């Protein structure tokens, strides 16, 4: 299956991967946060922070969730990267607008 490449700029705010876990994955598998955390090998508080969208999906957490959900870590890392890029682009907009693109690099 070919991978779809997102063209910048993305106007719609990306969903935090923790929200996908909270709204889609956990209800589909029917496990509590505590049981999911136990099976992932992390604390309930650590998982809760991800589900509350206050902490990012780290590489280690992506490996755990990818194994648990059966869809691999890459999906979770891409979701987090898209979320982070979207927010960073807006936070740095003025600074980025002042940087000239190098024609030789393009």
PDB file of N, CA and C in Angstrom:
ATOM      1  N   UNK A   1       0.840  -1.177   0.000  1.00  0.00           N
ATOM      2  CA  UNK A   1       0.000   0.000   0.000  1.00  0.00           C
ATOM      3  C   UNK A   1       0.885   1.238   0.000  1.00  0.00           C
ATOM      4  N   UNK A   2       0.620   2.163  -0.900  1.00  0.00           N
ATOM      5  CA  UNK A   2       1.415   3.384  -0.991  1.00  0.00           C
ATOM      6  C   UNK A   2       1.085   4.311   0.180  1.00  0.00           C
ATOM      7  N   UNK A   3       2.105   4.998   0.629  1.00  0.00           N
ATOM      8  CA  UNK A   3       1.908   5.928   1.733  1.00  0.00           C
ATOM      9  C   UNK A   3       1.536   7.288   1.177  1.00  0.00           C
ATOM     10  N   UNK A   4       0.521   7.909   1.749  1.00  0.00           N
ATOM     11  CA  UNK A   4       0.062   9.223   1.326  1.00  0.00           C
ATOM     12  C   UNK A   4       0.967  10.286   1.931  1.00  0.00           C
ATOM     13  N   UNK A   5       1.481  11.158   1.095  1.00  0.00           N
ATOM     14  CA  UNK A   5       2.345  12.243   1.565  1.00  0.00           C
ATOM     15  C   UNK A   5       1.511  13.508   1.749  1.00  0.00           C
ATOM     16  N   UNK A   6       1.575  14.084   2.938  1.00  0.00           N
ATOM     17  CA  UNK A   6       0.836  15.307   3.234  1.00  0.00           C
ATOM     18  C   UNK A   6       1.611  16.495   2.683  1.00  0.00           C
ATOM     19  N   UNK A   7       0.909  17.328   1.938  1.00  0.00           N
ATOM     20  CA  UNK A   7       1.532  18.532   1.397  1.00  0.00           C
ATOM     21  C   UNK A   7       1.309  19.673   2.374  1.00  0.00           C
ATOM     22  N   UNK A   8       2.350  20.431   2.623  1.00  0.00           N
ATOM     23  CA  UNK A   8       2.282  21.542   3.545  1.00  0.00           C
ATOM     24  C   UNK A   8       1.737  22.750   2.812  1.00  0.00           C
ATOM     25  N   UNK A   9       1.066  23.677   3.409  1.00  0.00           N
ATOM     26  CA  UNK A   9       0.727  23.692   4.828  1.00  0.00           C
ATOM     27  C   UNK A   9      -0.576  22.951   5.111  1.00  0.00           C
ATOM     28  N   UNK A  10      -0.613  22.320   6.258  1.00  0.00           N
ATOM     29  CA  UNK A  10      -1.828  21.668   6.715  1.00  0.00           C
ATOM     30  C   UNK A  10      -2.609  22.718   7.500  1.00  0.00           C
ATOM     31  N   UNK A  11      -3.812  23.006   7.049  1.00  0.00           N
ATOM     32  CA  UNK A  11      -4.594  24.060   7.684  1.00  0.00           C
ATOM     33  C   UNK A  11      -5.365  23.567   8.909  1.00  0.00           C
ATOM     34  N   UNK A  12      -5.770  22.315   8.884  1.00  0.00           N
ATOM     35  CA  UNK A  12      -6.539  21.758   9.987  1.00  0.00           C
ATOM     36  C   UNK A  12      -5.591  21.250  11.069  1.00  0.00           C
ATOM     37  N   UNK A  13      -5.905  21.566  12.296  1.00  0.00           N
ATOM     38  CA  UNK A  13      -5.079  21.128  13.425  1.00  0.00           C
ATOM     39  C   UNK A  13      -5.079  19.602  13.510  1.00  0.00           C
ATOM     40  N   UNK A  14      -3.890  18.973  13.513  1.00  0.00           N
ATOM     41  CA  UNK A  14      -3.837  17.514  13.643  1.00  0.00           C
ATOM     42  C   UNK A  14      -4.297  17.057  15.026  1.00  0.00           C
ATOM     43  N   UNK A  15      -4.800  15.856  15.073  1.00  0.00           N
ATOM     44  CA  UNK A  15      -5.255  15.261  16.331  1.00  0.00           C
ATOM     45  C   UNK A  15      -4.040  14.709  17.070  1.00  0.00           C
ATOM     46  N   UNK A  16      -4.000  14.947  18.364  1.00  0.00           N
ATOM     47  CA  UNK A  16      -2.936  14.378  19.197  1.00  0.00           C
ATOM     48  C   UNK A  16      -3.121  12.862  19.217  1.00  0.00           C
ATOM     49  N   UNK A  17      -2.028  12.077  19.103  1.00  0.00           N
ATOM     50  CA  UNK A  17      -2.171  10.623  19.105  1.00  0.00           C
ATOM     51  C   UNK A  17      -2.795  10.069  20.387  1.00  0.00           C
ATOM     52  N   UNK A  18      -2.657  10.779  21.485  1.00  0.00           N
ATOM     53  CA  UNK A  18      -3.297  10.351  22.723  1.00  0.00           C
ATOM     54  C   UNK A  18      -4.818  10.377  22.612  1.00  0.00           C
ATOM     55  N   UNK A  19      -5.327  11.325  21.844  1.00  0.00           N
ATOM     56  CA  UNK A  19      -6.772  11.394  21.642  1.00  0.00           C
ATOM     57  C   UNK A  19      -7.263  10.186  20.843  1.00  0.00           C
ATOM     58  N   UNK A  20      -6.480   9.762  19.871  1.00  0.00           N
ATOM     59  CA  UNK A  20      -6.837   8.579  19.096  1.00  0.00           C
ATOM     60  C   UNK A  20      -6.839   7.343  19.989  1.00  0.00           C
ATOM     61  N   UNK A  21      -5.834   7.257  20.847  1.00  0.00           N
ATOM     62  CA  UNK A  21      -5.800   6.136  21.806  1.00  0.00           C
ATOM     63  C   UNK A  21      -7.040   6.159  22.699  1.00  0.00           C
ATOM     64  N   UNK A  22      -7.352   7.337  23.228  1.00  0.00           N
ATOM     65  CA  UNK A  22      -8.454   7.486  24.180  1.00  0.00           C
ATOM     66  C   UNK A  22      -9.821   7.260  23.524  1.00  0.00           C
ATOM     67  N   UNK A  23     -10.014   7.820  22.330  1.00  0.00           N
ATOM     68  CA  UNK A  23     -11.330   7.794  21.704  1.00  0.00           C
ATOM     69  C   UNK A  23     -11.584   6.576  20.819  1.00  0.00           C
ATOM     70  N   UNK A  24     -10.529   5.986  20.260  1.00  0.00           N
ATOM     71  CA  UNK A  24     -10.711   4.889  19.309  1.00  0.00           C
ATOM     72  C   UNK A  24     -10.149   3.555  19.793  1.00  0.00           C
ATOM     73  N   UNK A  25      -8.889   3.553  20.226  1.00  0.00           N
ATOM     74  CA  UNK A  25      -8.221   2.290  20.546  1.00  0.00           C
ATOM     75  C   UNK A  25      -8.760   1.669  21.825  1.00  0.00           C
ATOM     76  N   UNK A  26      -8.761   2.426  22.905  1.00  0.00           N
ATOM     77  CA  UNK A  26      -9.204   1.848  24.187  1.00  0.00           C
ATOM     78  C   UNK A  26     -10.658   1.380  24.155  1.00  0.00           C
ATOM     79  N   UNK A  27     -11.588   2.165  23.608  1.00  0.00           N
ATOM     80  CA  UNK A  27     -12.960   1.650  23.538  1.00  0.00           C
ATOM     81  C   UNK A  27     -13.079   0.392  22.671  1.00  0.00           C
ATOM     82  N   UNK A  28     -12.291   0.312  21.601  1.00  0.00           N
ATOM     83  CA  UNK A  28     -12.367  -0.858  20.716  1.00  0.00           C
ATOM     84  C   UNK A  28     -11.881  -2.129  21.400  1.00  0.00           C
ATOM     85  N   UNK A  29     -10.883  -1.992  22.271  1.00  0.00           N
ATOM     86  CA  UNK A  29     -10.353  -3.183  22.933  1.00  0.00           C
ATOM     87  C   UNK A  29     -11.038  -3.452  24.271  1.00  0.00           C
ATOM     88  N   UNK A  30     -11.747  -2.447  24.788  1.00  0.00           N
ATOM     89  CA  UNK A  30     -12.528  -2.648  26.001  1.00  0.00           C
ATOM     90  C   UNK A  30     -11.728  -2.789  27.279  1.00  0.00           C
ATOM     91  N   UNK A  31     -10.534  -2.189  27.313  1.00  0.00           N
ATOM     92  CA  UNK A  31      -9.710  -2.262  28.528  1.00  0.00           C
ATOM     93  C   UNK A  31      -9.698  -0.918  29.241  1.00  0.00           C
ATOM     94  N   UNK A  32      -9.519  -0.968  30.550  1.00  0.00           N
ATOM     95  CA  UNK A  32      -9.384   0.254  31.334  1.00  0.00           C
ATOM     96  C   UNK A  32      -8.000   0.855  31.117  1.00  0.00           C
ATOM     97  N   UNK A  33      -7.837   2.092  31.529  1.00  0.00           N
ATOM     98  CA  UNK A  33      -6.527   2.748  31.455  1.00  0.00           C
ATOM     99  C   UNK A  33      -5.517   1.985  32.310  1.00  0.00           C
ATOM    100  N   UNK A  34      -5.938   1.559  33.485  1.00  0.00           N
ATOM    101  CA  UNK A  34      -5.025   0.835  34.373  1.00  0.00           C
ATOM    102  C   UNK A  34      -4.554  -0.472  33.751  1.00  0.00           C
ATOM    103  N   UNK A  35      -5.477  -1.229  33.170  1.00  0.00           N
ATOM    104  CA  UNK A  35      -5.107  -2.505  32.559  1.00  0.00           C
ATOM    105  C   UNK A  35      -4.251  -2.284  31.308  1.00  0.00           C
ATOM    106  N   UNK A  36      -4.582  -1.279  30.531  1.00  0.00           N
ATOM    107  CA  UNK A  36      -3.781  -0.972  29.339  1.00  0.00           C
ATOM    108  C   UNK A  36      -2.374  -0.576  29.747  1.00  0.00           C
ATOM    109  N   UNK A  37      -2.249   0.270  30.767  1.00  0.00           N
ATOM    110  CA  UNK A  37      -0.934   0.685  31.253  1.00  0.00           C
ATOM    111  C   UNK A  37      -0.133  -0.528  31.725  1.00  0.00           C
ATOM    112  N   UNK A  38      -0.784  -1.419  32.436  1.00  0.00           N
ATOM    113  CA  UNK A  38      -0.112  -2.631  32.913  1.00  0.00           C
ATOM    114  C   UNK A  38       0.408  -3.444  31.734  1.00  0.00           C
ATOM    115  N   UNK A  39      -0.420  -3.619  30.723  1.00  0.00           N
ATOM    116  CA  UNK A  39      -0.012  -4.409  29.555  1.00  0.00           C
ATOM    117  C   UNK A  39       1.075  -3.716  28.740  1.00  0.00           C
ATOM    118  N   UNK A  40       1.079  -2.381  28.756  1.00  0.00           N
ATOM    119  CA  UNK A  40       2.127  -1.629  28.057  1.00  0.00           C
ATOM    120  C   UNK A  40       3.431  -1.589  28.849  1.00  0.00           C
ATOM    121  N   UNK A  41       3.352  -1.860  30.152  1.00  0.00           N
ATOM    122  CA  UNK A  41       4.533  -1.794  31.003  1.00  0.00           C
ATOM    123  C   UNK A  41       4.892  -0.385  31.416  1.00  0.00           C
ATOM    124  N   UNK A  42       3.862   0.485  31.534  1.00  0.00           N
ATOM    125  CA  UNK A  42       4.072   1.870  31.974  1.00  0.00           C
ATOM    126  C   UNK A  42       3.137   2.151  33.140  1.00  0.00           C
ATOM    127  N   UNK A  43       3.375   3.257  33.817  1.00  0.00           N
ATOM    128  CA  UNK A  43       2.494   3.620  34.921  1.00  0.00           C
ATOM    129  C   UNK A  43       1.164   4.141  34.373  1.00  0.00           C
ATOM    130  N   UNK A  44       0.144   4.022  35.197  1.00  0.00           N
ATOM    131  CA  UNK A  44      -1.165   4.551  34.817  1.00  0.00           C
ATOM    132  C   UNK A  44      -1.092   6.054  34.589  1.00  0.00           C
ATOM    133  N   UNK A  45      -0.304   6.733  35.422  1.00  0.00           N
ATOM    134  CA  UNK A  45      -0.158   8.184  35.296  1.00  0.00           C
ATOM    135  C   UNK A  45       0.507   8.558  33.966  1.00  0.00           C
ATOM    136  N   UNK A  46       1.513   7.792  33.584  1.00  0.00           N
ATOM    137  CA  UNK A  46       2.201   8.068  32.325  1.00  0.00           C
ATOM    138  C   UNK A  46       1.239   7.921  31.146  1.00  0.00           C
ATOM    139  N   UNK A  47       0.477   6.849  31.133  1.00  0.00           N
ATOM    140  CA  UNK A  47      -0.492   6.646  30.059  1.00  0.00           C
ATOM    141  C   UNK A  47      -1.574   7.712  30.107  1.00  0.00           C
ATOM    142  N   UNK A  48      -2.035   8.044  31.303  1.00  0.00           N
ATOM    143  CA  UNK A  48      -3.076   9.065  31.438  1.00  0.00           C
ATOM    144  C   UNK A  48      -2.610  10.402  30.863  1.00  0.00           C
ATOM    145  N   UNK A  49      -1.348  10.774  31.072  1.00  0.00           N
ATOM    146  CA  UNK A  49      -0.827  12.033  30.519  1.00  0.00           C
ATOM    147  C   UNK A  49      -0.871  12.023  28.993  1.00  0.00           C
ATOM    148  N   UNK A  50      -0.560  10.885  28.395  1.00  0.00           N
ATOM    149  CA  UNK A  50      -0.638  10.769  26.931  1.00  0.00           C
ATOM    150  C   UNK A  50      -2.098  10.871  26.491  1.00  0.00           C
ATOM    151  N   UNK A  51      -2.982  10.148  27.164  1.00  0.00           N
ATOM    152  CA  UNK A  51      -4.401  10.160  26.809  1.00  0.00           C
ATOM    153  C   UNK A  51      -5.031  11.528  27.004  1.00  0.00           C
ATOM    154  N   UNK A  52      -4.518  12.310  27.954  1.00  0.00           N
ATOM    155  CA  UNK A  52      -5.013  13.666  28.202  1.00  0.00           C
ATOM    156  C   UNK A  52      -4.403  14.670  27.231  1.00  0.00           C
ATOM    157  N   UNK A  53      -3.519  14.199  26.369  1.00  0.00           N
ATOM    158  CA  UNK A  53      -2.867  15.028  25.343  1.00  0.00           C
ATOM    159  C   UNK A  53      -1.962  16.103  25.935  1.00  0.00           C
ATOM    160  N   UNK A  54      -1.432  15.849  27.133  1.00  0.00           N
ATOM    161  CA  UNK A  54      -0.514  16.801  27.750  1.00  0.00           C
ATOM    162  C   UNK A  54       0.940  16.385  27.559  1.00  0.00           C
ATOM    163  N   UNK A  55       1.165  15.137  27.147  1.00  0.00           N
ATOM    164  CA  UNK A  55       2.521  14.638  26.902  1.00  0.00           C
ATOM    165  C   UNK A  55       2.571  13.956  25.541  1.00  0.00           C
ATOM    166  N   UNK A  56       3.726  14.042  24.897  1.00  0.00           N
ATOM    167  CA  UNK A  56       3.849  13.446  23.562  1.00  0.00           C
ATOM    168  C   UNK A  56       4.037  11.939  23.606  1.00  0.00           C
ATOM    169  N   UNK A  57       3.824  11.341  22.463  1.00  0.00           N
ATOM    170  CA  UNK A  57       4.162   9.931  22.270  1.00  0.00           C
ATOM    171  C   UNK A  57       5.666   9.880  22.021  1.00  0.00           C
ATOM    172  N   UNK A  58       6.417   9.318  22.939  1.00  0.00           N
ATOM    173  CA  UNK A  58       7.859   9.186  22.766  1.00  0.00           C
ATOM    174  C   UNK A  58       8.150   7.977  21.882  1.00  0.00           C
ATOM    175  N   UNK A  59       9.388   7.848  21.467  1.00  0.00           N
ATOM    176  CA  UNK A  59       9.792   6.695  20.679  1.00  0.00           C
ATOM    177  C   UNK A  59       9.498   5.402  21.437  1.00  0.00           C
ATOM    178  N   UNK A  60       9.828   5.386  22.720  1.00  0.00           N
ATOM    179  CA  UNK A  60       9.591   4.200  23.529  1.00  0.00           C
ATOM    180  C   UNK A  60       8.101   3.887  23.651  1.00  0.00           C
ATOM    181  N   UNK A  61       7.301   4.929  23.864  1.00  0.00           N
ATOM    182  CA  UNK A  61       5.861   4.719  23.973  1.00  0.00           C
ATOM    183  C   UNK A  61       5.289   4.269  22.629  1.00  0.00           C
ATOM    184  N   UNK A  62       5.795   4.807  21.532  1.00  0.00           N
ATOM    185  CA  UNK A  62       5.336   4.390  20.200  1.00  0.00           C
ATOM    186  C   UNK A  62       5.634   2.906  19.972  1.00  0.00           C
ATOM    187  N   UNK A  63       6.788   2.453  20.429  1.00  0.00           N
ATOM    188  CA  UNK A  63       7.110   1.030  20.302  1.00  0.00           C
ATOM    189  C   UNK A  63       6.128   0.177  21.097  1.00  0.00           C
ATOM    190  N   UNK A  64       5.802   0.623  22.300  1.00  0.00           N
ATOM    191  CA  UNK A  64       4.882  -0.123  23.158  1.00  0.00           C
ATOM    192  C   UNK A  64       3.460  -0.148  22.568  1.00  0.00           C
ATOM    193  N   UNK A  65       2.973   1.037  22.179  1.00  0.00           N
ATOM    194  CA  UNK A  65       1.616   1.124  21.646  1.00  0.00           C
ATOM    195  C   UNK A  65       1.517   0.405  20.301  1.00  0.00           C
ATOM    196  N   UNK A  66       2.534   0.564  19.466  1.00  0.00           N
ATOM    197  CA  UNK A  66       2.533  -0.104  18.172  1.00  0.00           C
ATOM    198  C   UNK A  66       2.476  -1.610  18.297  1.00  0.00           C
ATOM    199  N   UNK A  67       3.202  -2.153  19.254  1.00  0.00           N
ATOM    200  CA  UNK A  67       3.170  -3.602  19.514  1.00  0.00           C
ATOM    201  C   UNK A  67       1.805  -4.008  20.067  1.00  0.00           C
ATOM    202  N   UNK A  68       1.314  -3.251  21.021  1.00  0.00           N
ATOM    203  CA  UNK A  68       0.041  -3.535  21.679  1.00  0.00           C
ATOM    204  C   UNK A  68      -1.124  -3.482  20.686  1.00  0.00           C
ATOM    205  N   UNK A  69      -1.143  -2.422  19.851  1.00  0.00           N
ATOM    206  CA  UNK A  69      -2.246  -2.233  18.904  1.00  0.00           C
ATOM    207  C   UNK A  69      -2.063  -3.048  17.627  1.00  0.00           C
ATOM    208  N   UNK A  70      -0.834  -3.535  17.407  1.00  0.00           N
ATOM    209  CA  UNK A  70      -0.570  -4.343  16.227  1.00  0.00           C
ATOM    210  C   UNK A  70      -0.378  -3.561  14.946  1.00  0.00           C
ATOM    211  N   UNK A  71      -0.142  -2.250  15.070  1.00  0.00           N
ATOM    212  CA  UNK A  71       0.033  -1.438  13.869  1.00  0.00           C
ATOM    213  C   UNK A  71       1.413  -0.792  13.766  1.00  0.00           C
ATOM    214  N   UNK A  72       2.321  -1.153  14.627  1.00  0.00           N
ATOM    215  CA  UNK A  72       3.693  -0.674  14.555  1.00  0.00           C
ATOM    216  C   UNK A  72       3.890   0.725  15.104  1.00  0.00           C
ATOM    217  N   UNK A  73       5.128   1.064  15.434  1.00  0.00           N
ATOM    218  CA  UNK A  73       5.425   2.361  16.040  1.00  0.00           C
ATOM    219  C   UNK A  73       5.407   3.530  15.060  1.00  0.00           C
ATOM    220  N   UNK A  74       5.616   3.256  13.778  1.00  0.00           N
ATOM    221  CA  UNK A  74       5.739   4.340  12.802  1.00  0.00           C
ATOM    222  C   UNK A  74       4.488   5.205  12.744  1.00  0.00           C
ATOM    223  N   UNK A  75       3.324   4.570  12.770  1.00  0.00           N
ATOM    224  CA  UNK A  75       2.066   5.315  12.743  1.00  0.00           C
ATOM    225  C   UNK A  75       2.002   6.318  13.885  1.00  0.00           C
ATOM    226  N   UNK A  76       2.317   5.852  15.091  1.00  0.00           N
ATOM    227  CA  UNK A  76       2.217   6.704  16.274  1.00  0.00           C
ATOM    228  C   UNK A  76       3.244   7.831  16.249  1.00  0.00           C
ATOM    229  N   UNK A  77       4.430   7.545  15.737  1.00  0.00           N
ATOM    230  CA  UNK A  77       5.454   8.586  15.622  1.00  0.00           C
ATOM    231  C   UNK A  77       5.065   9.624  14.569  1.00  0.00           C
ATOM    232  N   UNK A  78       4.487   9.178  13.447  1.00  0.00           N
ATOM    233  CA  UNK A  78       4.044  10.131  12.416  1.00  0.00           C
ATOM    234  C   UNK A  78       2.929  11.020  12.942  1.00  0.00           C
ATOM    235  N   UNK A  79       2.000  10.435  13.670  1.00  0.00           N
ATOM    236  CA  UNK A  79       0.923  11.239  14.253  1.00  0.00           C
ATOM    237  C   UNK A  79       1.488  12.310  15.184  1.00  0.00           C
ATOM    238  N   UNK A  80       2.442  11.922  16.034  1.00  0.00           N
ATOM    239  CA  UNK A  80       3.049  12.872  16.965  1.00  0.00           C
ATOM    240  C   UNK A  80       3.847  13.921  16.215  1.00  0.00           C
ATOM    241  N   UNK A  81       4.595  13.507  15.190  1.00  0.00           N
ATOM    242  CA  UNK A  81       5.392  14.450  14.408  1.00  0.00           C
ATOM    243  C   UNK A  81       4.498  15.473  13.709  1.00  0.00           C
ATOM    244  N   UNK A  82       3.400  15.028  13.118  1.00  0.00           N
ATOM    245  CA  UNK A  82       2.476  15.954  12.461  1.00  0.00           C
ATOM    246  C   UNK A  82       1.888  16.941  13.453  1.00  0.00           C
ATOM    247  N   UNK A  83       1.546  16.456  14.628  1.00  0.00           N
ATOM    248  CA  UNK A  83       1.007  17.310  15.684  1.00  0.00           C
ATOM    249  C   UNK A  83       2.044  18.354  16.105  1.00  0.00           C
ATOM    250  N   UNK A  84       3.270  17.901  16.342  1.00  0.00           N
ATOM    251  CA  UNK A  84       4.342  18.806  16.774  1.00  0.00           C
ATOM    252  C   UNK A  84       4.687  19.834  15.706  1.00  0.00           C
ATOM    253  N   UNK A  85       4.793  19.396  14.446  1.00  0.00           N
ATOM    254  CA  UNK A  85       5.116  20.318  13.351  1.00  0.00           C
ATOM    255  C   UNK A  85       4.060  21.395  13.197  1.00  0.00           C
ATOM    256  N   UNK A  86       2.807  21.018  13.256  1.00  0.00           N
ATOM    257  CA  UNK A  86       1.714  21.973  13.097  1.00  0.00           C
ATOM    258  C   UNK A  86       1.814  23.079  14.150  1.00  0.00           C
ATOM    259  N   UNK A  87       2.037  22.672  15.407  1.00  0.00           N
ATOM    260  CA  UNK A  87       2.124  23.654  16.489  1.00  0.00           C
ATOM    261  C   UNK A  87       3.399  24.494  16.387  1.00  0.00           C
ATOM    262  N   UNK A  88       4.518  23.879  16.029  1.00  0.00           N
ATOM    263  CA  UNK A  88       5.776  24.617  15.908  1.00  0.00           C
ATOM    264  C   UNK A  88       5.708  25.626  14.770  1.00  0.00           C
ATOM    265  N   UNK A  89       5.099  25.263  13.656  1.00  0.00           N
ATOM    266  CA  UNK A  89       4.984  26.195  12.526  1.00  0.00           C
ATOM    267  C   UNK A  89       4.203  27.432  12.920  1.00  0.00           C
ATOM    268  N   UNK A  90       3.182  27.288  13.703  1.00  0.00           N
ATOM    269  CA  UNK A  90       2.400  28.441  14.129  1.00  0.00           C
ATOM    270  C   UNK A  90       3.150  29.256  15.179  1.00  0.00           C
ATOM    271  N   UNK A  91       3.853  28.588  16.060  1.00  0.00           N
ATOM    272  CA  UNK A  91       4.612  29.284  17.101  1.00  0.00           C
ATOM    273  C   UNK A  91       5.774  30.081  16.509  1.00  0.00           C
ATOM    274  N   UNK A  92       6.390  29.559  15.449  1.00  0.00           N
ATOM    275  CA  UNK A  92       7.573  30.188  14.846  1.00  0.00           C
ATOM    276  C   UNK A  92       7.271  30.944  13.560  1.00  0.00           C
ATOM    277  N   UNK A  93       6.001  31.186  13.259  1.00  0.00           N
ATOM    278  CA  UNK A  93       5.616  31.760  11.975  1.00  0.00           C
ATOM    279  C   UNK A  93       6.406  33.018  11.610  1.00  0.00           C
ATOM    280  N   UNK A  94       6.466  33.983  12.496  1.00  0.00           N
ATOM    281  CA  UNK A  94       7.182  35.228  12.174  1.00  0.00           C
ATOM    282  C   UNK A  94       8.650  34.982  11.886  1.00  0.00           C
ATOM    283  N   UNK A  95       9.291  34.160  12.695  1.00  0.00           N
ATOM    284  CA  UNK A  95      10.702  33.852  12.476  1.00  0.00           C
ATOM    285  C   UNK A  95      10.912  33.112  11.162  1.00  0.00           C
ATOM    286  N   UNK A  96      10.053  32.169  10.867  1.00  0.00           N
ATOM    287  CA  UNK A  96      10.183  31.397   9.633  1.00  0.00           C
ATOM    288  C   UNK A  96       9.945  32.256   8.402  1.00  0.00           C
ATOM    289  N   UNK A  97       9.024  33.230   8.516  1.00  0.00           N
ATOM    290  CA  UNK A  97       8.756  34.133   7.392  1.00  0.00           C
ATOM    291  C   UNK A  97       9.977  34.975   7.035  1.00  0.00           C
ATOM    292  N   UNK A  98      10.862  35.208   7.988  1.00  0.00           N
ATOM    293  CA  UNK A  98      12.054  36.027   7.752  1.00  0.00           C
ATOM    294  C   UNK A  98      13.211  35.233   7.147  1.00  0.00           C
ATOM    295  N   UNK A  99      13.107  33.924   7.107  1.00  0.00           N
ATOM    296  CA  UNK A  99      14.183  33.088   6.558  1.00  0.00           C
ATOM    297  C   UNK A  99      13.959  32.938   5.065  1.00  0.00           C
ATOM    298  N   UNK A 100      14.994  33.306   4.301  1.00  0.00           N
ATOM    299  CA  UNK A 100      14.927  33.157   2.852  1.00  0.00           C
ATOM    300  C   UNK A 100      15.305  31.743   2.460  1.00  0.00           C
ATOM    301  N   UNK A 101      14.562  31.193   1.514  1.00  0.00           N
ATOM    302  CA  UNK A 101      14.875  29.861   1.014  1.00  0.00           C
ATOM    303  C   UNK A 101      16.113  29.932   0.129  1.00  0.00           C
ATOM    304  N   UNK A 102      16.994  28.977   0.267  1.00  0.00           N
ATOM    305  CA  UNK A 102      18.192  28.909  -0.554  1.00  0.00           C
ATOM    306  C   UNK A 102      17.819  28.221  -1.866  1.00  0.00           C
ATOM    307  N   UNK A 103      17.896  28.957  -2.975  1.00  0.00           N
ATOM    308  CA  UNK A 103      17.485  28.444  -4.273  1.00  0.00           C
ATOM    309  C   UNK A 103      18.303  27.225  -4.686  1.00  0.00           C
ATOM    310  N   UNK A 104      19.571  27.139  -4.302  1.00  0.00           N
ATOM    311  CA  UNK A 104      20.415  26.010  -4.679  1.00  0.00           C
ATOM    312  C   UNK A 104      20.020  24.743  -3.956  1.00  0.00           C
ATOM    313  N   UNK A 105      19.451  24.882  -2.762  1.00  0.00           N
ATOM    314  CA  UNK A 105      19.072  23.718  -1.972  1.00  0.00           C
ATOM    315  C   UNK A 105      17.761  23.095  -2.455  1.00  0.00           C
ATOM    316  N   UNK A 106      16.937  23.875  -3.103  1.00  0.00           N
ATOM    317  CA  UNK A 106      15.620  23.389  -3.522  1.00  0.00           C
ATOM    318  C   UNK A 106      15.680  22.602  -4.746  1.00  0.00           C
TER     319      UNK A 106
END
